[in-house]
Amino acid sequence: MTDEKRCLTLRVVVPDPTQRGADVEVRALVDGRDEGCCGALYVTIQRDGDYVLWDEWRNPEEDEVDLPAFRFEAQEYQGEVERATADRSWEWPARTVARLLEQDLRERTDWLARWDGELGALSA
């Protein structure tokens, strides 16, 4: 494992709205670089004192993944996760309406109970 501290940036990538079925993605950039990959890529993430470690990379379609362990300062890591979670600038208007409506309906538990209803999800 490398002792070099890394910088994590989380970016939301929104597909062309005319493409049905295309998903919004979160891309993790390490030191400003996108770890380009196709298919599935898994990593074990764990807290180790003042650091967050990404290690034990694996891809079910390949025998080995040639990526080193990454070490991030925990406070910076947490700050980036919180920043990315709070950032809604990427949302399109219908997505914002769906998110706010779902949030409002989930807070009104008496409505669902009165109608013997259950809220699955709202999306746009």
C-alpha atoms as a PDB file:
ATOM      1  CA  MET A   1       0.000   0.000   0.000  1.00  0.00           C
ATOM      2  CA  THR A   2       1.224   3.459  -0.821  1.00  0.00           C
ATOM      3  CA  ASP A   3       1.637   6.081   1.895  1.00  0.00           C
ATOM      4  CA  GLU A   4       0.814   8.818  -0.582  1.00  0.00           C
ATOM      5  CA  LYS A   5      -2.331  10.751   0.356  1.00  0.00           C
ATOM      6  CA  ARG A   6      -4.852  11.202  -2.434  1.00  0.00           C
ATOM      7  CA  CYS A   7      -7.528  13.749  -3.261  1.00  0.00           C
ATOM      8  CA  LEU A   8     -11.075  12.535  -3.962  1.00  0.00           C
ATOM      9  CA  THR A   9     -13.547  14.473  -6.115  1.00  0.00           C
ATOM     10  CA  LEU A  10     -17.068  13.207  -6.807  1.00  0.00           C
ATOM     11  CA  ARG A  11     -18.730  14.380 -10.042  1.00  0.00           C
ATOM     12  CA  VAL A  12     -22.296  13.774 -11.134  1.00  0.00           C
ATOM     13  CA  VAL A  13     -22.648  12.940 -14.827  1.00  0.00           C
ATOM     14  CA  VAL A  14     -26.097  13.502 -16.314  1.00  0.00           C
ATOM     15  CA  PRO A  15     -26.954  11.742 -19.587  1.00  0.00           C
ATOM     16  CA  ASP A  16     -28.691  13.375 -22.532  1.00  0.00           C
ATOM     17  CA  PRO A  17     -32.325  13.776 -21.364  1.00  0.00           C
ATOM     18  CA  THR A  18     -33.588  12.512 -24.738  1.00  0.00           C
ATOM     19  CA  GLN A  19     -31.990   9.092 -24.100  1.00  0.00           C
ATOM     20  CA  ARG A  20     -34.476   6.936 -22.233  1.00  0.00           C
ATOM     21  CA  GLY A  21     -33.004   4.488 -19.734  1.00  0.00           C
ATOM     22  CA  ALA A  22     -29.706   6.327 -19.365  1.00  0.00           C
ATOM     23  CA  ASP A  23     -28.768   6.671 -15.701  1.00  0.00           C
ATOM     24  CA  VAL A  24     -27.246   9.531 -13.773  1.00  0.00           C
ATOM     25  CA  GLU A  25     -23.774   8.451 -12.622  1.00  0.00           C
ATOM     26  CA  VAL A  26     -21.406   9.499  -9.878  1.00  0.00           C
ATOM     27  CA  ARG A  27     -17.792   9.407 -11.016  1.00  0.00           C
ATOM     28  CA  ALA A  28     -15.006   9.233  -8.484  1.00  0.00           C
ATOM     29  CA  LEU A  29     -11.917  11.156  -9.541  1.00  0.00           C
ATOM     30  CA  VAL A  30      -8.697  10.414  -7.667  1.00  0.00           C
ATOM     31  CA  ASP A  31      -6.155  13.221  -7.915  1.00  0.00           C
ATOM     32  CA  GLY A  32      -8.281  14.643 -10.753  1.00  0.00           C
ATOM     33  CA  ARG A  33      -8.203  11.400 -12.786  1.00  0.00           C
ATOM     34  CA  ASP A  34     -11.177   9.211 -13.675  1.00  0.00           C
ATOM     35  CA  GLU A  35     -10.237   5.548 -13.116  1.00  0.00           C
ATOM     36  CA  GLY A  36     -11.581   4.514 -16.507  1.00  0.00           C
ATOM     37  CA  CYS A  37     -13.075   1.055 -16.565  1.00  0.00           C
ATOM     38  CA  CYS A  38     -15.776  -0.891 -18.217  1.00  0.00           C
ATOM     39  CA  GLY A  39     -18.084  -3.322 -16.508  1.00  0.00           C
ATOM     40  CA  ALA A  40     -18.053  -3.690 -12.744  1.00  0.00           C
ATOM     41  CA  LEU A  41     -15.262  -2.502 -10.490  1.00  0.00           C
ATOM     42  CA  TYR A  42     -15.378  -3.189  -6.767  1.00  0.00           C
ATOM     43  CA  VAL A  43     -13.215  -1.891  -3.942  1.00  0.00           C
ATOM     44  CA  THR A  44     -13.114  -2.378  -0.189  1.00  0.00           C
ATOM     45  CA  ILE A  45     -13.466   0.969   1.594  1.00  0.00           C
ATOM     46  CA  GLN A  46     -12.544   1.197   5.256  1.00  0.00           C
ATOM     47  CA  ARG A  47     -11.761   3.788   7.881  1.00  0.00           C
ATOM     48  CA  ASP A  48      -8.299   3.507   9.419  1.00  0.00           C
ATOM     49  CA  GLY A  49      -7.771   6.175  12.069  1.00  0.00           C
ATOM     50  CA  ASP A  50      -7.448   9.554  10.344  1.00  0.00           C
ATOM     51  CA  TYR A  51      -7.633   7.994   6.880  1.00  0.00           C
ATOM     52  CA  VAL A  52     -10.044   6.262   4.518  1.00  0.00           C
ATOM     53  CA  LEU A  53      -8.511   3.411   2.532  1.00  0.00           C
ATOM     54  CA  TRP A  54      -9.585   2.038  -0.843  1.00  0.00           C
ATOM     55  CA  ASP A  55      -7.992  -1.351  -1.404  1.00  0.00           C
ATOM     56  CA  GLU A  56      -8.588  -4.884  -2.681  1.00  0.00           C
ATOM     57  CA  TRP A  57      -9.780  -3.830  -6.137  1.00  0.00           C
ATOM     58  CA  ARG A  58     -11.648  -6.498  -8.098  1.00  0.00           C
ATOM     59  CA  ASN A  59     -13.571  -6.978 -11.317  1.00  0.00           C
ATOM     60  CA  PRO A  60     -15.625 -10.173 -11.725  1.00  0.00           C
ATOM     61  CA  GLU A  61     -14.725 -10.312 -15.426  1.00  0.00           C
ATOM     62  CA  GLU A  62     -10.933 -10.026 -14.970  1.00  0.00           C
ATOM     63  CA  ASP A  63      -8.413 -11.994 -12.934  1.00  0.00           C
ATOM     64  CA  GLU A  64      -6.511  -8.967 -11.690  1.00  0.00           C
ATOM     65  CA  VAL A  65      -7.152  -5.248 -11.401  1.00  0.00           C
ATOM     66  CA  ASP A  66      -3.972  -3.209 -11.619  1.00  0.00           C
ATOM     67  CA  LEU A  67      -4.850  -0.403  -9.227  1.00  0.00           C
ATOM     68  CA  PRO A  68      -2.936   0.556  -6.091  1.00  0.00           C
ATOM     69  CA  ALA A  69      -4.442   1.139  -2.678  1.00  0.00           C
ATOM     70  CA  PHE A  70      -5.593   4.747  -2.233  1.00  0.00           C
ATOM     71  CA  ARG A  71      -5.418   6.608   1.078  1.00  0.00           C
ATOM     72  CA  PHE A  72      -7.478   9.744   1.722  1.00  0.00           C
ATOM     73  CA  GLU A  73      -7.519  12.019   4.747  1.00  0.00           C
ATOM     74  CA  ALA A  74     -10.792  11.183   6.483  1.00  0.00           C
ATOM     75  CA  GLN A  75     -11.898  14.795   7.103  1.00  0.00           C
ATOM     76  CA  GLU A  76     -11.340  15.775   3.475  1.00  0.00           C
ATOM     77  CA  TYR A  77     -13.024  12.579   2.293  1.00  0.00           C
ATOM     78  CA  GLN A  78     -16.085  13.188   4.488  1.00  0.00           C
ATOM     79  CA  GLY A  79     -16.234  16.810   3.333  1.00  0.00           C
ATOM     80  CA  GLU A  80     -16.254  15.759  -0.322  1.00  0.00           C
ATOM     81  CA  VAL A  81     -18.997  13.174   0.269  1.00  0.00           C
ATOM     82  CA  GLU A  82     -21.108  15.797   2.075  1.00  0.00           C
ATOM     83  CA  ARG A  83     -20.471  18.387  -0.663  1.00  0.00           C
ATOM     84  CA  ALA A  84     -21.463  15.954  -3.421  1.00  0.00           C
ATOM     85  CA  THR A  85     -24.560  14.833  -1.511  1.00  0.00           C
ATOM     86  CA  ALA A  86     -25.754  18.415  -1.006  1.00  0.00           C
ATOM     87  CA  ASP A  87     -25.038  19.542  -4.607  1.00  0.00           C
ATOM     88  CA  ARG A  88     -28.268  19.540  -6.608  1.00  0.00           C
ATOM     89  CA  SER A  89     -27.062  21.818  -9.421  1.00  0.00           C
ATOM     90  CA  TRP A  90     -27.152  18.890 -11.860  1.00  0.00           C
ATOM     91  CA  GLU A  91     -30.860  18.190 -11.361  1.00  0.00           C
ATOM     92  CA  TRP A  92     -33.280  18.970 -14.153  1.00  0.00           C
ATOM     93  CA  PRO A  93     -36.614  20.568 -13.094  1.00  0.00           C
ATOM     94  CA  ALA A  94     -38.735  17.390 -13.252  1.00  0.00           C
ATOM     95  CA  ARG A  95     -36.143  15.533 -11.167  1.00  0.00           C
ATOM     96  CA  THR A  96     -36.229  18.288  -8.545  1.00  0.00           C
ATOM     97  CA  VAL A  97     -40.041  18.138  -8.380  1.00  0.00           C
ATOM     98  CA  ALA A  98     -39.969  14.337  -8.001  1.00  0.00           C
ATOM     99  CA  ARG A  99     -37.344  14.507  -5.231  1.00  0.00           C
ATOM    100  CA  LEU A 100     -39.197  17.211  -3.288  1.00  0.00           C
ATOM    101  CA  LEU A 101     -42.566  15.484  -3.704  1.00  0.00           C
ATOM    102  CA  GLU A 102     -41.141  12.173  -2.507  1.00  0.00           C
ATOM    103  CA  GLN A 103     -39.529  13.906   0.483  1.00  0.00           C
ATOM    104  CA  ASP A 104     -42.834  15.596   1.357  1.00  0.00           C
ATOM    105  CA  LEU A 105     -44.864  12.383   1.040  1.00  0.00           C
ATOM    106  CA  ARG A 106     -42.398  10.436   3.193  1.00  0.00           C
ATOM    107  CA  GLU A 107     -42.809  13.049   5.946  1.00  0.00           C
ATOM    108  CA  ARG A 108     -46.617  12.693   5.824  1.00  0.00           C
ATOM    109  CA  THR A 109     -46.807   9.185   7.224  1.00  0.00           C
ATOM    110  CA  ASP A 110     -50.386   9.784   8.427  1.00  0.00           C
ATOM    111  CA  TRP A 111     -51.588  10.070   4.796  1.00  0.00           C
ATOM    112  CA  LEU A 112     -50.146   6.739   3.817  1.00  0.00           C
ATOM    113  CA  ALA A 113     -51.456   5.054   6.963  1.00  0.00           C
ATOM    114  CA  ARG A 114     -54.938   6.518   6.459  1.00  0.00           C
ATOM    115  CA  TRP A 115     -55.102   5.105   2.919  1.00  0.00           C
ATOM    116  CA  ASP A 116     -53.276   1.914   3.845  1.00  0.00           C
ATOM    117  CA  GLY A 117     -50.738   2.981   1.247  1.00  0.00           C
ATOM    118  CA  GLU A 118     -47.052   2.485   0.728  1.00  0.00           C
ATOM    119  CA  LEU A 119     -44.671   4.809  -1.095  1.00  0.00           C
ATOM    120  CA  GLY A 120     -42.183   3.018  -3.306  1.00  0.00           C
ATOM    121  CA  ALA A 121     -40.362   5.753  -5.181  1.00  0.00           C
ATOM    122  CA  LEU A 122     -40.914   8.812  -7.341  1.00  0.00           C
ATOM    123  CA  SER A 123     -38.727   9.525 -10.310  1.00  0.00           C
ATOM    124  CA  ALA A 124     -38.536  11.719 -13.357  1.00  0.00           C
END
